[in-house]
Amino acid sequence: MIEIKPRKRGPKPDPKERPALVVWAMRLWMLSGALLIALGVLGIVDQSVNVGLEFGPLALGVLVVVLGVAYLLLGAKTYRGELQWRSSLSALTCVVVAMLLPLTIGFQSSGLAVVLACAVVGLAGSLLAYRPQSDKWFNCVLNGDCEPALTTNTDDAE
């Protein structure tokens, strides 16, 4: 039988030593997520009252709400210093902006332009999270003070 060992978690950065850029990245991610949720809800309400229950516009509103919730959840995990979530959120913001840009231009939609602007706010947060000072904090090399690594496997010597 194959034995699977539990994974080790690396050291986490000290939350007390957050640089200002990390705090601003978090604020921009949360602001972007909140704006996307508000725009999605506003779009759902507007489409259901004015147009009726058509699937396309309602599905777009639901997708924008889900995207905003994902920004909020991933941003909260990233703010606690978990490196893999920073990468996931940064990739998500890049993909969303890259997909919304041609859609906004192609459909010439002012609603999509506002969603794109809110997504660019999140992209700005991702850019701040990868600045050298922020990157050092996320990689635990700012002051060398990191919380100790959480080890779940006690018998490493084999």
N, C-alpha and C. Protein backbone atom coordinates (compact mmCIF):
# COMPACT_ATOMS: atom_id res chain seq x y z
N MET A 1 0.84 -1.17 0.00
CA MET A 1 0.00 0.00 0.00
C MET A 1 0.89 1.24 0.00
N ILE A 2 0.45 2.26 -0.69
CA ILE A 2 1.23 3.49 -0.79
C ILE A 2 0.93 4.35 0.43
N GLU A 3 2.01 4.79 1.05
CA GLU A 3 1.86 5.65 2.23
C GLU A 3 2.02 7.10 1.81
N ILE A 4 1.04 7.90 2.15
CA ILE A 4 1.08 9.32 1.82
C ILE A 4 1.35 10.10 3.10
N LYS A 5 2.43 10.84 3.08
CA LYS A 5 2.81 11.62 4.25
C LYS A 5 2.10 12.98 4.21
N PRO A 6 1.71 13.48 5.35
CA PRO A 6 1.11 14.82 5.39
C PRO A 6 2.13 15.88 4.95
N ARG A 7 1.63 16.90 4.29
CA ARG A 7 2.50 17.95 3.81
C ARG A 7 2.89 18.90 4.93
N LYS A 8 4.07 19.45 4.80
CA LYS A 8 4.53 20.46 5.75
C LYS A 8 4.11 21.83 5.26
N ARG A 9 3.82 22.67 6.16
CA ARG A 9 3.53 24.06 5.82
C ARG A 9 4.77 24.87 6.13
N GLY A 10 5.09 25.76 5.22
CA GLY A 10 6.27 26.60 5.41
C GLY A 10 5.99 27.70 6.42
N PRO A 11 7.01 28.46 6.72
CA PRO A 11 6.83 29.55 7.68
C PRO A 11 5.89 30.61 7.12
N LYS A 12 5.12 31.22 8.00
CA LYS A 12 4.20 32.28 7.60
C LYS A 12 4.77 33.61 8.07
N PRO A 13 4.55 34.67 7.30
CA PRO A 13 5.05 35.98 7.73
C PRO A 13 4.29 36.47 8.96
N ASP A 14 4.96 37.30 9.72
CA ASP A 14 4.37 37.85 10.93
C ASP A 14 3.34 38.92 10.57
N PRO A 15 2.08 38.74 10.98
CA PRO A 15 1.06 39.73 10.61
C PRO A 15 1.31 41.11 11.21
N LYS A 16 2.07 41.18 12.28
CA LYS A 16 2.33 42.48 12.92
C LYS A 16 3.32 43.32 12.12
N GLU A 17 4.07 42.69 11.24
CA GLU A 17 5.11 43.38 10.49
C GLU A 17 4.70 43.67 9.05
N ARG A 18 3.40 43.75 8.77
CA ARG A 18 2.93 43.99 7.40
C ARG A 18 3.40 45.35 6.89
N PRO A 19 3.97 45.37 5.71
CA PRO A 19 4.30 46.67 5.11
C PRO A 19 3.02 47.38 4.66
N ALA A 20 3.14 48.67 4.46
CA ALA A 20 1.98 49.47 4.04
C ALA A 20 1.45 49.01 2.68
N LEU A 21 2.35 48.54 1.81
CA LEU A 21 1.90 48.09 0.50
C LEU A 21 0.98 46.87 0.59
N VAL A 22 1.24 45.98 1.55
CA VAL A 22 0.38 44.81 1.73
C VAL A 22 -1.00 45.26 2.23
N VAL A 23 -1.01 46.23 3.12
CA VAL A 23 -2.28 46.74 3.64
C VAL A 23 -3.08 47.40 2.51
N TRP A 24 -2.40 48.16 1.66
CA TRP A 24 -3.10 48.81 0.56
C TRP A 24 -3.56 47.82 -0.49
N ALA A 25 -2.77 46.78 -0.71
CA ALA A 25 -3.20 45.73 -1.63
C ALA A 25 -4.49 45.09 -1.12
N MET A 26 -4.53 44.81 0.18
CA MET A 26 -5.73 44.23 0.77
C MET A 26 -6.93 45.16 0.62
N ARG A 27 -6.71 46.43 0.87
CA ARG A 27 -7.81 47.40 0.74
C ARG A 27 -8.35 47.45 -0.69
N LEU A 28 -7.44 47.44 -1.66
CA LEU A 28 -7.87 47.49 -3.05
C LEU A 28 -8.60 46.22 -3.46
N TRP A 29 -8.12 45.06 -2.98
CA TRP A 29 -8.82 43.80 -3.28
C TRP A 29 -10.22 43.81 -2.68
N MET A 30 -10.32 44.25 -1.43
CA MET A 30 -11.63 44.26 -0.77
C MET A 30 -12.57 45.29 -1.42
N LEU A 31 -12.03 46.44 -1.78
CA LEU A 31 -12.84 47.45 -2.44
C LEU A 31 -13.33 46.92 -3.79
N SER A 32 -12.46 46.29 -4.54
CA SER A 32 -12.84 45.72 -5.82
C SER A 32 -13.90 44.64 -5.65
N GLY A 33 -13.71 43.76 -4.67
CA GLY A 33 -14.71 42.71 -4.42
C GLY A 33 -16.06 43.28 -4.03
N ALA A 34 -16.05 44.28 -3.15
CA ALA A 34 -17.31 44.90 -2.72
C ALA A 34 -18.00 45.61 -3.88
N LEU A 35 -17.23 46.31 -4.71
CA LEU A 35 -17.83 46.99 -5.86
C LEU A 35 -18.40 45.99 -6.87
N LEU A 36 -17.68 44.89 -7.08
CA LEU A 36 -18.19 43.88 -8.00
C LEU A 36 -19.48 43.24 -7.48
N ILE A 37 -19.53 42.98 -6.18
CA ILE A 37 -20.76 42.43 -5.60
C ILE A 37 -21.91 43.43 -5.76
N ALA A 38 -21.64 44.69 -5.45
CA ALA A 38 -22.68 45.72 -5.57
C ALA A 38 -23.15 45.86 -7.02
N LEU A 39 -22.22 45.85 -7.97
CA LEU A 39 -22.61 45.96 -9.37
C LEU A 39 -23.40 44.74 -9.83
N GLY A 40 -23.00 43.57 -9.37
CA GLY A 40 -23.73 42.35 -9.74
C GLY A 40 -25.14 42.35 -9.21
N VAL A 41 -25.30 42.73 -7.95
CA VAL A 41 -26.64 42.79 -7.35
C VAL A 41 -27.48 43.86 -8.04
N LEU A 42 -26.86 45.01 -8.32
CA LEU A 42 -27.58 46.07 -9.01
C LEU A 42 -28.01 45.62 -10.41
N GLY A 43 -27.14 44.90 -11.10
CA GLY A 43 -27.48 44.39 -12.42
C GLY A 43 -28.60 43.36 -12.37
N ILE A 44 -28.57 42.49 -11.37
CA ILE A 44 -29.63 41.48 -11.21
C ILE A 44 -30.97 42.15 -10.95
N VAL A 45 -30.97 43.11 -10.03
CA VAL A 45 -32.22 43.80 -9.69
C VAL A 45 -32.73 44.59 -10.89
N ASP A 46 -31.84 45.32 -11.55
CA ASP A 46 -32.24 46.13 -12.70
C ASP A 46 -32.79 45.27 -13.82
N GLN A 47 -32.12 44.19 -14.14
CA GLN A 47 -32.58 43.34 -15.24
C GLN A 47 -33.89 42.63 -14.91
N SER A 48 -34.04 42.22 -13.66
CA SER A 48 -35.27 41.51 -13.31
C SER A 48 -36.47 42.46 -13.25
N VAL A 49 -36.26 43.73 -12.89
CA VAL A 49 -37.37 44.69 -12.82
C VAL A 49 -37.71 45.25 -14.21
N ASN A 50 -36.68 45.64 -14.96
CA ASN A 50 -36.93 46.31 -16.24
C ASN A 50 -37.17 45.36 -17.40
N VAL A 51 -36.41 44.30 -17.49
CA VAL A 51 -36.47 43.42 -18.65
C VAL A 51 -37.29 42.18 -18.36
N GLY A 52 -37.24 41.71 -17.16
CA GLY A 52 -37.88 40.44 -16.83
C GLY A 52 -36.81 39.42 -16.50
N LEU A 53 -37.22 38.21 -16.37
CA LEU A 53 -36.28 37.17 -15.96
C LEU A 53 -35.65 36.49 -17.17
N GLU A 54 -34.84 37.24 -17.91
CA GLU A 54 -34.09 36.66 -19.01
C GLU A 54 -32.82 36.05 -18.45
N PHE A 55 -32.42 34.93 -19.03
CA PHE A 55 -31.29 34.19 -18.47
C PHE A 55 -29.95 34.91 -18.64
N GLY A 56 -29.70 35.48 -19.80
CA GLY A 56 -28.39 36.07 -20.10
C GLY A 56 -27.99 37.18 -19.16
N PRO A 57 -28.78 38.25 -19.06
CA PRO A 57 -28.39 39.35 -18.16
C PRO A 57 -28.34 38.93 -16.69
N LEU A 58 -29.24 38.05 -16.29
CA LEU A 58 -29.21 37.59 -14.89
C LEU A 58 -27.98 36.74 -14.62
N ALA A 59 -27.60 35.91 -15.57
CA ALA A 59 -26.41 35.07 -15.41
C ALA A 59 -25.16 35.94 -15.33
N LEU A 60 -25.10 37.00 -16.10
CA LEU A 60 -23.96 37.91 -16.04
C LEU A 60 -23.87 38.58 -14.67
N GLY A 61 -25.01 39.00 -14.14
CA GLY A 61 -25.02 39.60 -12.81
C GLY A 61 -24.57 38.62 -11.73
N VAL A 62 -25.03 37.38 -11.84
CA VAL A 62 -24.63 36.35 -10.87
C VAL A 62 -23.13 36.09 -10.96
N LEU A 63 -22.60 36.04 -12.20
CA LEU A 63 -21.16 35.83 -12.36
C LEU A 63 -20.34 36.97 -11.76
N VAL A 64 -20.82 38.19 -11.88
CA VAL A 64 -20.11 39.34 -11.30
C VAL A 64 -20.15 39.25 -9.77
N VAL A 65 -21.28 38.83 -9.21
CA VAL A 65 -21.37 38.67 -7.75
C VAL A 65 -20.41 37.57 -7.29
N VAL A 66 -20.39 36.45 -7.99
CA VAL A 66 -19.49 35.35 -7.62
C VAL A 66 -18.03 35.79 -7.72
N LEU A 67 -17.72 36.57 -8.72
CA LEU A 67 -16.36 37.09 -8.88
C LEU A 67 -16.00 38.01 -7.71
N GLY A 68 -16.91 38.86 -7.29
CA GLY A 68 -16.65 39.73 -6.15
C GLY A 68 -16.46 38.95 -4.86
N VAL A 69 -17.25 37.91 -4.66
CA VAL A 69 -17.10 37.07 -3.47
C VAL A 69 -15.75 36.36 -3.50
N ALA A 70 -15.33 35.91 -4.68
CA ALA A 70 -14.02 35.25 -4.80
C ALA A 70 -12.90 36.23 -4.46
N TYR A 71 -13.01 37.47 -4.90
CA TYR A 71 -12.00 38.48 -4.55
C TYR A 71 -11.95 38.67 -3.04
N LEU A 72 -13.12 38.76 -2.41
CA LEU A 72 -13.14 38.96 -0.96
C LEU A 72 -12.54 37.78 -0.20
N LEU A 73 -12.92 36.58 -0.57
CA LEU A 73 -12.43 35.39 0.14
C LEU A 73 -10.94 35.18 -0.07
N LEU A 74 -10.49 35.27 -1.31
CA LEU A 74 -9.07 35.08 -1.58
C LEU A 74 -8.23 36.21 -0.99
N GLY A 75 -8.76 37.43 -1.01
CA GLY A 75 -8.05 38.56 -0.41
C GLY A 75 -7.88 38.39 1.09
N ALA A 76 -8.90 37.89 1.76
CA ALA A 76 -8.79 37.68 3.21
C ALA A 76 -7.75 36.61 3.53
N LYS A 77 -7.71 35.54 2.74
CA LYS A 77 -6.71 34.50 2.97
C LYS A 77 -5.31 35.01 2.68
N THR A 78 -5.19 35.82 1.65
CA THR A 78 -3.88 36.36 1.29
C THR A 78 -3.37 37.31 2.36
N TYR A 79 -4.26 38.09 2.93
CA TYR A 79 -3.86 39.07 3.94
C TYR A 79 -3.29 38.40 5.18
N ARG A 80 -3.71 37.16 5.41
CA ARG A 80 -3.16 36.42 6.56
C ARG A 80 -1.77 35.87 6.27
N GLY A 81 -1.29 36.06 5.05
CA GLY A 81 0.07 35.67 4.74
C GLY A 81 0.23 34.32 4.09
N GLU A 82 -0.82 33.78 3.53
CA GLU A 82 -0.72 32.50 2.85
C GLU A 82 -0.36 32.76 1.39
N LEU A 83 0.85 32.38 1.02
CA LEU A 83 1.43 32.77 -0.25
C LEU A 83 0.66 32.24 -1.45
N GLN A 84 0.15 31.02 -1.38
CA GLN A 84 -0.51 30.44 -2.56
C GLN A 84 -1.78 31.20 -2.91
N TRP A 85 -2.44 31.82 -1.96
CA TRP A 85 -3.66 32.55 -2.26
C TRP A 85 -3.35 33.88 -2.93
N ARG A 86 -2.21 34.45 -2.62
CA ARG A 86 -1.81 35.68 -3.30
C ARG A 86 -1.63 35.40 -4.79
N SER A 87 -1.00 34.29 -5.10
CA SER A 87 -0.79 33.92 -6.50
C SER A 87 -2.12 33.66 -7.20
N SER A 88 -3.02 32.97 -6.52
CA SER A 88 -4.32 32.66 -7.11
C SER A 88 -5.12 33.93 -7.37
N LEU A 89 -5.12 34.83 -6.41
CA LEU A 89 -5.88 36.07 -6.57
C LEU A 89 -5.27 36.95 -7.65
N SER A 90 -3.96 37.00 -7.72
CA SER A 90 -3.31 37.80 -8.76
C SER A 90 -3.61 37.24 -10.14
N ALA A 91 -3.57 35.93 -10.27
CA ALA A 91 -3.90 35.31 -11.55
C ALA A 91 -5.36 35.58 -11.91
N LEU A 92 -6.25 35.49 -10.92
CA LEU A 92 -7.67 35.76 -11.17
C LEU A 92 -7.89 37.19 -11.63
N THR A 93 -7.24 38.15 -10.99
CA THR A 93 -7.43 39.54 -11.40
C THR A 93 -6.89 39.78 -12.81
N CYS A 94 -5.77 39.17 -13.14
CA CYS A 94 -5.22 39.32 -14.50
C CYS A 94 -6.16 38.72 -15.54
N VAL A 95 -6.67 37.54 -15.28
CA VAL A 95 -7.55 36.87 -16.24
C VAL A 95 -8.85 37.65 -16.41
N VAL A 96 -9.41 38.14 -15.32
CA VAL A 96 -10.67 38.87 -15.40
C VAL A 96 -10.50 40.15 -16.21
N VAL A 97 -9.43 40.89 -15.95
CA VAL A 97 -9.20 42.12 -16.71
C VAL A 97 -8.93 41.80 -18.18
N ALA A 98 -8.15 40.76 -18.43
CA ALA A 98 -7.83 40.38 -19.82
C ALA A 98 -9.07 39.92 -20.58
N MET A 99 -10.02 39.31 -19.90
CA MET A 99 -11.25 38.86 -20.58
C MET A 99 -12.27 39.98 -20.71
N LEU A 100 -12.34 40.85 -19.73
CA LEU A 100 -13.32 41.94 -19.80
C LEU A 100 -12.95 43.01 -20.81
N LEU A 101 -11.66 43.21 -21.04
CA LEU A 101 -11.25 44.27 -21.97
C LEU A 101 -11.78 44.04 -23.38
N PRO A 102 -11.54 42.88 -24.00
CA PRO A 102 -12.11 42.71 -25.35
C PRO A 102 -13.64 42.61 -25.35
N LEU A 103 -14.23 42.07 -24.27
CA LEU A 103 -15.69 42.02 -24.21
C LEU A 103 -16.29 43.42 -24.15
N THR A 104 -15.66 44.30 -23.36
CA THR A 104 -16.15 45.67 -23.25
C THR A 104 -16.03 46.40 -24.58
N ILE A 105 -14.91 46.22 -25.24
CA ILE A 105 -14.71 46.88 -26.53
C ILE A 105 -15.62 46.27 -27.59
N GLY A 106 -15.73 44.94 -27.59
CA GLY A 106 -16.53 44.26 -28.62
C GLY A 106 -18.01 44.56 -28.51
N PHE A 107 -18.54 44.52 -27.32
CA PHE A 107 -19.97 44.78 -27.13
C PHE A 107 -20.27 46.27 -26.95
N GLN A 108 -19.26 47.07 -26.76
CA GLN A 108 -19.41 48.51 -26.50
C GLN A 108 -20.44 48.76 -25.41
N SER A 109 -20.23 48.04 -24.30
CA SER A 109 -21.17 48.09 -23.20
C SER A 109 -20.64 48.97 -22.08
N SER A 110 -21.44 49.94 -21.69
CA SER A 110 -21.02 50.79 -20.57
C SER A 110 -21.07 50.03 -19.25
N GLY A 111 -21.99 49.07 -19.14
CA GLY A 111 -22.06 48.26 -17.92
C GLY A 111 -20.82 47.41 -17.74
N LEU A 112 -20.35 46.80 -18.83
CA LEU A 112 -19.11 46.02 -18.75
C LEU A 112 -17.90 46.92 -18.50
N ALA A 113 -17.96 48.16 -18.98
CA ALA A 113 -16.86 49.09 -18.73
C ALA A 113 -16.74 49.41 -17.24
N VAL A 114 -17.87 49.54 -16.57
CA VAL A 114 -17.84 49.80 -15.13
C VAL A 114 -17.31 48.57 -14.38
N VAL A 115 -17.72 47.38 -14.81
CA VAL A 115 -17.21 46.15 -14.21
C VAL A 115 -15.71 46.04 -14.45
N LEU A 116 -15.26 46.40 -15.64
CA LEU A 116 -13.84 46.38 -15.95
C LEU A 116 -13.07 47.35 -15.06
N ALA A 117 -13.63 48.53 -14.84
CA ALA A 117 -12.96 49.51 -13.96
C ALA A 117 -12.82 48.96 -12.54
N CYS A 118 -13.85 48.28 -12.05
CA CYS A 118 -13.78 47.69 -10.70
C CYS A 118 -12.76 46.55 -10.66
N ALA A 119 -12.67 45.80 -11.74
CA ALA A 119 -11.69 44.71 -11.79
C ALA A 119 -10.27 45.26 -11.87
N VAL A 120 -10.08 46.40 -12.51
CA VAL A 120 -8.76 47.03 -12.58
C VAL A 120 -8.31 47.49 -11.20
N VAL A 121 -9.25 47.88 -10.35
CA VAL A 121 -8.90 48.23 -8.96
C VAL A 121 -8.29 47.01 -8.27
N GLY A 122 -8.87 45.83 -8.47
CA GLY A 122 -8.31 44.61 -7.91
C GLY A 122 -6.96 44.27 -8.50
N LEU A 123 -6.79 44.54 -9.80
CA LEU A 123 -5.51 44.31 -10.45
C LEU A 123 -4.43 45.22 -9.86
N ALA A 124 -4.80 46.45 -9.52
CA ALA A 124 -3.85 47.35 -8.87
C ALA A 124 -3.42 46.80 -7.52
N GLY A 125 -4.35 46.18 -6.79
CA GLY A 125 -3.98 45.53 -5.54
C GLY A 125 -3.01 44.39 -5.75
N SER A 126 -3.22 43.63 -6.82
CA SER A 126 -2.30 42.53 -7.12
C SER A 126 -0.91 43.06 -7.47
N LEU A 127 -0.86 44.16 -8.17
CA LEU A 127 0.44 44.75 -8.50
C LEU A 127 1.16 45.22 -7.24
N LEU A 128 0.43 45.79 -6.30
CA LEU A 128 1.05 46.20 -5.05
C LEU A 128 1.55 45.01 -4.24
N ALA A 129 0.85 43.88 -4.33
CA ALA A 129 1.24 42.69 -3.58
C ALA A 129 2.53 42.07 -4.09
N TYR A 130 2.92 42.41 -5.31
CA TYR A 130 4.16 41.87 -5.86
C TYR A 130 5.29 42.90 -5.94
N ARG A 131 5.10 44.06 -5.33
CA ARG A 131 6.20 45.01 -5.22
C ARG A 131 7.28 44.40 -4.33
N PRO A 132 8.54 44.83 -4.46
CA PRO A 132 9.61 44.17 -3.71
C PRO A 132 9.40 44.12 -2.19
N GLN A 133 8.92 45.19 -1.59
CA GLN A 133 8.72 45.18 -0.14
C GLN A 133 7.62 44.21 0.26
N SER A 134 6.54 44.18 -0.50
CA SER A 134 5.46 43.23 -0.22
C SER A 134 5.90 41.80 -0.46
N ASP A 135 6.64 41.60 -1.53
CA ASP A 135 7.11 40.27 -1.87
C ASP A 135 8.03 39.72 -0.78
N LYS A 136 8.86 40.59 -0.23
CA LYS A 136 9.74 40.15 0.88
C LYS A 136 8.91 39.74 2.08
N TRP A 137 7.84 40.45 2.37
CA TRP A 137 7.01 40.09 3.52
C TRP A 137 6.31 38.75 3.28
N PHE A 138 5.77 38.57 2.10
CA PHE A 138 5.09 37.32 1.79
C PHE A 138 6.05 36.14 1.80
N ASN A 139 7.30 36.38 1.44
CA ASN A 139 8.28 35.30 1.41
C ASN A 139 9.09 35.20 2.70
N CYS A 140 8.70 35.92 3.72
CA CYS A 140 9.31 35.86 5.06
C CYS A 140 10.77 36.27 5.07
N VAL A 141 11.14 37.24 4.31
CA VAL A 141 12.53 37.67 4.35
C VAL A 141 12.65 39.15 4.70
N LEU A 142 11.58 39.77 5.17
CA LEU A 142 11.63 41.19 5.48
C LEU A 142 12.57 41.45 6.64
N ASN A 143 12.29 40.87 7.78
CA ASN A 143 13.14 41.00 8.96
C ASN A 143 13.72 39.67 9.38
N GLY A 144 13.35 38.63 8.71
CA GLY A 144 13.77 37.30 9.13
C GLY A 144 12.91 36.77 10.26
N ASP A 145 11.91 37.53 10.67
CA ASP A 145 11.02 37.10 11.75
C ASP A 145 9.77 36.50 11.16
N CYS A 146 9.71 35.22 11.15
CA CYS A 146 8.54 34.51 10.64
C CYS A 146 8.02 33.61 11.74
N GLU A 147 6.73 33.37 11.68
CA GLU A 147 6.18 32.38 12.59
C GLU A 147 6.80 31.04 12.25
N PRO A 148 7.04 30.20 13.23
CA PRO A 148 7.69 28.92 12.92
C PRO A 148 6.85 28.07 11.98
N ALA A 149 7.53 27.23 11.24
CA ALA A 149 6.85 26.36 10.30
C ALA A 149 5.98 25.36 11.06
N LEU A 150 4.81 25.13 10.54
CA LEU A 150 3.91 24.15 11.14
C LEU A 150 4.27 22.78 10.58
N THR A 151 4.73 21.90 11.40
CA THR A 151 5.12 20.58 10.96
C THR A 151 4.08 19.57 11.41
N THR A 152 3.54 18.88 10.44
CA THR A 152 2.54 17.86 10.78
C THR A 152 3.14 16.47 10.75
N ASN A 153 4.31 16.33 10.19
CA ASN A 153 4.95 15.03 10.11
C ASN A 153 6.12 15.02 11.06
N THR A 154 6.10 14.16 12.06
CA THR A 154 7.13 14.16 13.08
C THR A 154 8.29 13.25 12.77
N ASP A 155 8.10 12.25 11.92
CA ASP A 155 9.19 11.33 11.64
C ASP A 155 9.73 11.60 10.23
N ASP A 156 10.56 12.65 10.11
CA ASP A 156 11.15 13.01 8.83
C ASP A 156 12.38 12.17 8.53
N ALA A 157 13.04 11.68 9.56
CA ALA A 157 14.29 10.93 9.34
C ALA A 157 13.94 9.49 8.95
N GLU A 158 14.29 9.16 7.75
CA GLU A 158 14.08 7.78 7.28
C GLU A 158 15.31 7.30 6.59
